């Protein structure tokens, strides 16, 4: 059963390129440690608002990754650009 974690956040528009670069580095680091990260997607809602979704192979892999996410060296630089972050997690029940 696949699980999805969606994070909505804001970032300064001047930091958009760095948001993308630091997110890519974080994804690489997470995948290196947790191969259960199967897909990521990032959408820009408006100039400041982003929605980032990460799909996981199981709730256990997701929970393990979230538990250590802030300990990864790539996390600090990536999260430094993020403000007003909220997250939700849920089981994927339909894909078409």
N, C-alpha and C. Protein backbone atom coordinates (compact mmCIF):
# COMPACT_ATOMS: atom_id res chain seq x y z
N UNK A 1 0.84 -1.17 0.00
CA UNK A 1 0.00 0.00 0.00
C UNK A 1 0.89 1.24 0.00
N UNK A 2 0.69 2.11 -0.94
CA UNK A 2 1.49 3.33 -1.08
C UNK A 2 0.93 4.44 -0.20
N UNK A 3 1.83 5.28 0.25
CA UNK A 3 1.45 6.42 1.08
C UNK A 3 2.01 7.69 0.47
N UNK A 4 1.31 8.79 0.73
CA UNK A 4 1.68 10.09 0.20
C UNK A 4 1.86 11.07 1.34
N UNK A 5 2.91 11.84 1.26
CA UNK A 5 3.11 12.96 2.19
C UNK A 5 3.12 14.22 1.35
N UNK A 6 2.25 15.15 1.70
CA UNK A 6 2.14 16.41 0.98
C UNK A 6 2.50 17.53 1.93
N UNK A 7 3.43 18.37 1.48
CA UNK A 7 3.86 19.52 2.28
C UNK A 7 3.56 20.78 1.48
N UNK A 8 2.86 21.68 2.12
CA UNK A 8 2.57 22.99 1.52
C UNK A 8 3.43 24.00 2.26
N UNK A 9 4.10 24.86 1.52
CA UNK A 9 4.99 25.84 2.15
C UNK A 9 5.08 27.10 1.30
N UNK A 10 5.65 28.13 1.89
CA UNK A 10 5.95 29.34 1.15
C UNK A 10 7.45 29.54 1.13
N UNK A 11 7.89 30.28 0.12
CA UNK A 11 9.31 30.63 0.00
C UNK A 11 9.39 31.96 -0.76
N UNK A 12 10.42 32.69 -0.48
CA UNK A 12 10.66 33.96 -1.16
C UNK A 12 10.84 33.69 -2.65
N UNK A 13 10.14 34.41 -3.52
CA UNK A 13 10.29 34.19 -4.96
C UNK A 13 11.74 34.32 -5.44
N UNK A 14 12.52 35.14 -4.78
CA UNK A 14 13.93 35.29 -5.16
C UNK A 14 14.73 34.01 -4.91
N UNK A 15 14.20 33.11 -4.09
CA UNK A 15 14.89 31.86 -3.75
C UNK A 15 14.41 30.67 -4.58
N UNK A 16 13.59 30.89 -5.61
CA UNK A 16 12.99 29.79 -6.35
C UNK A 16 14.03 28.81 -6.90
N UNK A 17 15.09 29.30 -7.50
CA UNK A 17 16.12 28.40 -8.05
C UNK A 17 16.79 27.60 -6.94
N UNK A 18 17.02 28.23 -5.80
CA UNK A 18 17.63 27.52 -4.68
C UNK A 18 16.67 26.51 -4.07
N UNK A 19 15.38 26.82 -4.04
CA UNK A 19 14.38 25.85 -3.56
C UNK A 19 14.50 24.58 -4.40
N UNK A 20 14.55 24.74 -5.71
CA UNK A 20 14.63 23.58 -6.61
C UNK A 20 15.94 22.81 -6.42
N UNK A 21 17.04 23.52 -6.34
CA UNK A 21 18.35 22.86 -6.22
C UNK A 21 18.49 22.13 -4.88
N UNK A 22 18.08 22.79 -3.81
CA UNK A 22 18.22 22.17 -2.48
C UNK A 22 17.23 21.02 -2.29
N UNK A 23 16.06 21.15 -2.89
CA UNK A 23 15.09 20.05 -2.85
C UNK A 23 15.65 18.84 -3.58
N UNK A 24 16.26 19.05 -4.73
CA UNK A 24 16.85 17.95 -5.50
C UNK A 24 17.94 17.24 -4.69
N UNK A 25 18.77 18.01 -4.00
CA UNK A 25 19.82 17.41 -3.17
C UNK A 25 19.21 16.61 -2.02
N UNK A 26 18.14 17.14 -1.42
CA UNK A 26 17.48 16.43 -0.33
C UNK A 26 16.84 15.13 -0.83
N UNK A 27 16.20 15.18 -1.98
CA UNK A 27 15.60 13.98 -2.54
C UNK A 27 16.66 12.91 -2.78
N UNK A 28 17.78 13.30 -3.36
CA UNK A 28 18.87 12.34 -3.60
C UNK A 28 19.34 11.71 -2.29
N UNK A 29 19.50 12.53 -1.26
CA UNK A 29 19.95 12.02 0.04
C UNK A 29 18.93 11.07 0.66
N UNK A 30 17.66 11.43 0.58
CA UNK A 30 16.61 10.58 1.15
C UNK A 30 16.54 9.27 0.38
N UNK A 31 16.59 9.34 -0.93
CA UNK A 31 16.54 8.10 -1.73
C UNK A 31 17.74 7.21 -1.46
N UNK A 32 18.88 7.81 -1.19
CA UNK A 32 20.07 7.03 -0.86
C UNK A 32 19.90 6.24 0.42
N UNK A 33 19.12 6.77 1.31
CA UNK A 33 18.91 6.12 2.61
C UNK A 33 17.61 5.32 2.67
N UNK A 34 16.61 5.76 1.91
CA UNK A 34 15.29 5.13 1.93
C UNK A 34 14.83 4.90 0.49
N UNK A 35 15.15 3.75 -0.08
CA UNK A 35 14.76 3.49 -1.47
C UNK A 35 13.25 3.38 -1.68
N UNK A 36 12.48 3.43 -0.62
CA UNK A 36 11.03 3.36 -0.73
C UNK A 36 10.37 4.65 -1.20
N UNK A 37 11.16 5.70 -1.42
CA UNK A 37 10.62 6.93 -1.99
C UNK A 37 10.48 6.70 -3.49
N UNK A 38 9.25 6.55 -3.96
CA UNK A 38 9.02 6.12 -5.34
C UNK A 38 8.79 7.26 -6.32
N UNK A 39 8.31 8.39 -5.83
CA UNK A 39 8.00 9.50 -6.73
C UNK A 39 7.90 10.79 -5.93
N UNK A 40 8.30 11.89 -6.56
CA UNK A 40 8.09 13.21 -5.96
C UNK A 40 7.54 14.13 -7.04
N UNK A 41 6.77 15.08 -6.61
CA UNK A 41 6.25 16.12 -7.50
C UNK A 41 6.16 17.42 -6.74
N UNK A 42 6.55 18.48 -7.41
CA UNK A 42 6.50 19.81 -6.81
C UNK A 42 5.69 20.72 -7.72
N UNK A 43 4.74 21.42 -7.14
CA UNK A 43 3.92 22.37 -7.89
C UNK A 43 4.05 23.75 -7.24
N UNK A 44 4.13 24.75 -8.09
CA UNK A 44 4.12 26.13 -7.59
C UNK A 44 2.69 26.65 -7.79
N UNK A 45 2.05 26.98 -6.69
CA UNK A 45 0.66 27.44 -6.71
C UNK A 45 0.59 28.90 -7.15
N UNK A 46 1.48 29.69 -6.61
CA UNK A 46 1.60 31.10 -6.98
C UNK A 46 3.05 31.50 -6.74
N UNK A 47 3.33 32.75 -6.79
CA UNK A 47 4.71 33.22 -6.69
C UNK A 47 5.42 32.74 -5.42
N UNK A 48 4.70 32.62 -4.32
CA UNK A 48 5.30 32.26 -3.04
C UNK A 48 4.95 30.86 -2.54
N UNK A 49 3.88 30.28 -3.01
CA UNK A 49 3.34 29.05 -2.43
C UNK A 49 3.66 27.83 -3.28
N UNK A 50 4.10 26.78 -2.60
CA UNK A 50 4.49 25.53 -3.25
C UNK A 50 3.76 24.36 -2.58
N UNK A 51 3.54 23.30 -3.33
CA UNK A 51 2.99 22.06 -2.80
C UNK A 51 3.90 20.93 -3.28
N UNK A 52 4.46 20.21 -2.32
CA UNK A 52 5.43 19.16 -2.60
C UNK A 52 4.86 17.82 -2.16
N UNK A 53 4.78 16.86 -3.07
CA UNK A 53 4.24 15.55 -2.71
C UNK A 53 5.31 14.48 -2.93
N UNK A 54 5.42 13.61 -1.95
CA UNK A 54 6.39 12.51 -1.99
C UNK A 54 5.61 11.22 -1.77
N UNK A 55 5.76 10.28 -2.69
CA UNK A 55 5.06 9.01 -2.62
C UNK A 55 6.01 7.94 -2.08
N UNK A 56 5.51 7.16 -1.14
CA UNK A 56 6.31 6.15 -0.46
C UNK A 56 5.71 4.77 -0.66
N UNK A 57 6.53 3.75 -0.63
CA UNK A 57 6.06 2.38 -0.83
C UNK A 57 5.27 1.83 0.35
N UNK A 58 5.44 2.41 1.53
CA UNK A 58 4.72 1.92 2.71
C UNK A 58 4.69 2.99 3.78
N UNK A 59 3.74 2.89 4.71
CA UNK A 59 3.70 3.84 5.82
C UNK A 59 4.92 3.69 6.73
N UNK A 60 5.48 2.50 6.83
CA UNK A 60 6.65 2.30 7.68
C UNK A 60 7.87 3.02 7.13
N UNK A 61 8.07 2.95 5.81
CA UNK A 61 9.20 3.65 5.20
C UNK A 61 9.03 5.16 5.35
N UNK A 62 7.83 5.63 5.12
CA UNK A 62 7.54 7.06 5.30
C UNK A 62 7.85 7.50 6.73
N UNK A 63 7.36 6.76 7.70
CA UNK A 63 7.58 7.12 9.11
C UNK A 63 9.07 7.10 9.46
N UNK A 64 9.80 6.12 8.96
CA UNK A 64 11.23 6.04 9.23
C UNK A 64 11.96 7.24 8.63
N UNK A 65 11.59 7.63 7.43
CA UNK A 65 12.24 8.77 6.78
C UNK A 65 11.92 10.08 7.50
N UNK A 66 10.67 10.26 7.86
CA UNK A 66 10.27 11.49 8.56
C UNK A 66 10.99 11.59 9.91
N UNK A 67 11.21 10.47 10.56
CA UNK A 67 11.86 10.46 11.88
C UNK A 67 13.29 10.97 11.83
N UNK A 68 13.97 10.79 10.70
CA UNK A 68 15.38 11.21 10.63
C UNK A 68 15.61 12.34 9.63
N UNK A 69 14.56 12.83 9.02
CA UNK A 69 14.71 13.84 7.96
C UNK A 69 15.54 15.04 8.39
N UNK A 70 15.31 15.53 9.59
CA UNK A 70 16.02 16.74 10.04
C UNK A 70 17.49 16.46 10.36
N UNK A 71 17.87 15.19 10.46
CA UNK A 71 19.26 14.83 10.74
C UNK A 71 20.13 14.76 9.49
N UNK A 72 19.53 14.72 8.32
CA UNK A 72 20.30 14.64 7.09
C UNK A 72 20.98 15.98 6.82
N UNK A 73 22.25 15.97 6.41
CA UNK A 73 22.95 17.24 6.16
C UNK A 73 22.26 18.12 5.12
N UNK A 74 21.55 17.53 4.19
CA UNK A 74 20.87 18.30 3.15
C UNK A 74 19.59 18.96 3.64
N UNK A 75 19.09 18.54 4.77
CA UNK A 75 17.83 19.08 5.29
C UNK A 75 17.94 20.53 5.71
N UNK A 76 18.97 20.87 6.45
CA UNK A 76 19.12 22.24 6.94
C UNK A 76 19.06 23.27 5.84
N UNK A 77 19.91 23.14 4.81
CA UNK A 77 19.85 24.11 3.72
C UNK A 77 18.50 24.15 3.00
N UNK A 78 17.89 22.99 2.80
CA UNK A 78 16.59 22.96 2.12
C UNK A 78 15.51 23.61 2.97
N UNK A 79 15.45 23.24 4.24
CA UNK A 79 14.41 23.78 5.11
C UNK A 79 14.63 25.24 5.46
N UNK A 80 15.84 25.74 5.31
CA UNK A 80 16.11 27.14 5.62
C UNK A 80 15.34 28.09 4.70
N UNK A 81 14.97 27.62 3.53
CA UNK A 81 14.24 28.46 2.57
C UNK A 81 12.73 28.38 2.74
N UNK A 82 12.26 27.44 3.54
CA UNK A 82 10.84 27.14 3.67
C UNK A 82 10.23 27.87 4.86
N UNK A 83 9.05 28.42 4.63
CA UNK A 83 8.30 29.06 5.71
C UNK A 83 6.87 28.54 5.69
N UNK A 84 6.20 28.64 6.82
CA UNK A 84 4.78 28.30 6.93
C UNK A 84 4.46 26.89 6.42
N UNK A 85 5.31 25.93 6.71
CA UNK A 85 5.11 24.57 6.22
C UNK A 85 4.03 23.84 7.01
N UNK A 86 3.16 23.15 6.27
CA UNK A 86 2.18 22.24 6.85
C UNK A 86 2.25 20.94 6.05
N UNK A 87 1.95 19.84 6.72
CA UNK A 87 2.03 18.56 6.01
C UNK A 87 0.84 17.68 6.35
N UNK A 88 0.55 16.78 5.42
CA UNK A 88 -0.48 15.77 5.60
C UNK A 88 0.04 14.48 4.99
N UNK A 89 -0.43 13.37 5.55
CA UNK A 89 -0.07 12.06 5.04
C UNK A 89 -1.33 11.23 4.85
N UNK A 90 -1.30 10.37 3.85
CA UNK A 90 -2.45 9.52 3.65
C UNK A 90 -2.16 8.37 2.72
N UNK A 91 -2.99 7.34 2.82
CA UNK A 91 -2.87 6.18 1.97
C UNK A 91 -3.42 6.50 0.58
N UNK A 92 -2.71 6.11 -0.44
CA UNK A 92 -3.19 6.27 -1.80
C UNK A 92 -4.21 5.18 -2.07
N UNK A 93 -5.42 5.56 -2.38
CA UNK A 93 -6.49 4.58 -2.59
C UNK A 93 -6.91 4.45 -4.06
N UNK A 94 -6.45 5.36 -4.91
CA UNK A 94 -6.80 5.27 -6.33
C UNK A 94 -5.77 6.03 -7.14
N UNK A 95 -5.31 5.42 -8.21
CA UNK A 95 -4.42 6.07 -9.18
C UNK A 95 -4.91 5.70 -10.57
N UNK A 96 -4.96 6.65 -11.44
CA UNK A 96 -5.43 6.36 -12.82
C UNK A 96 -4.48 6.94 -13.82
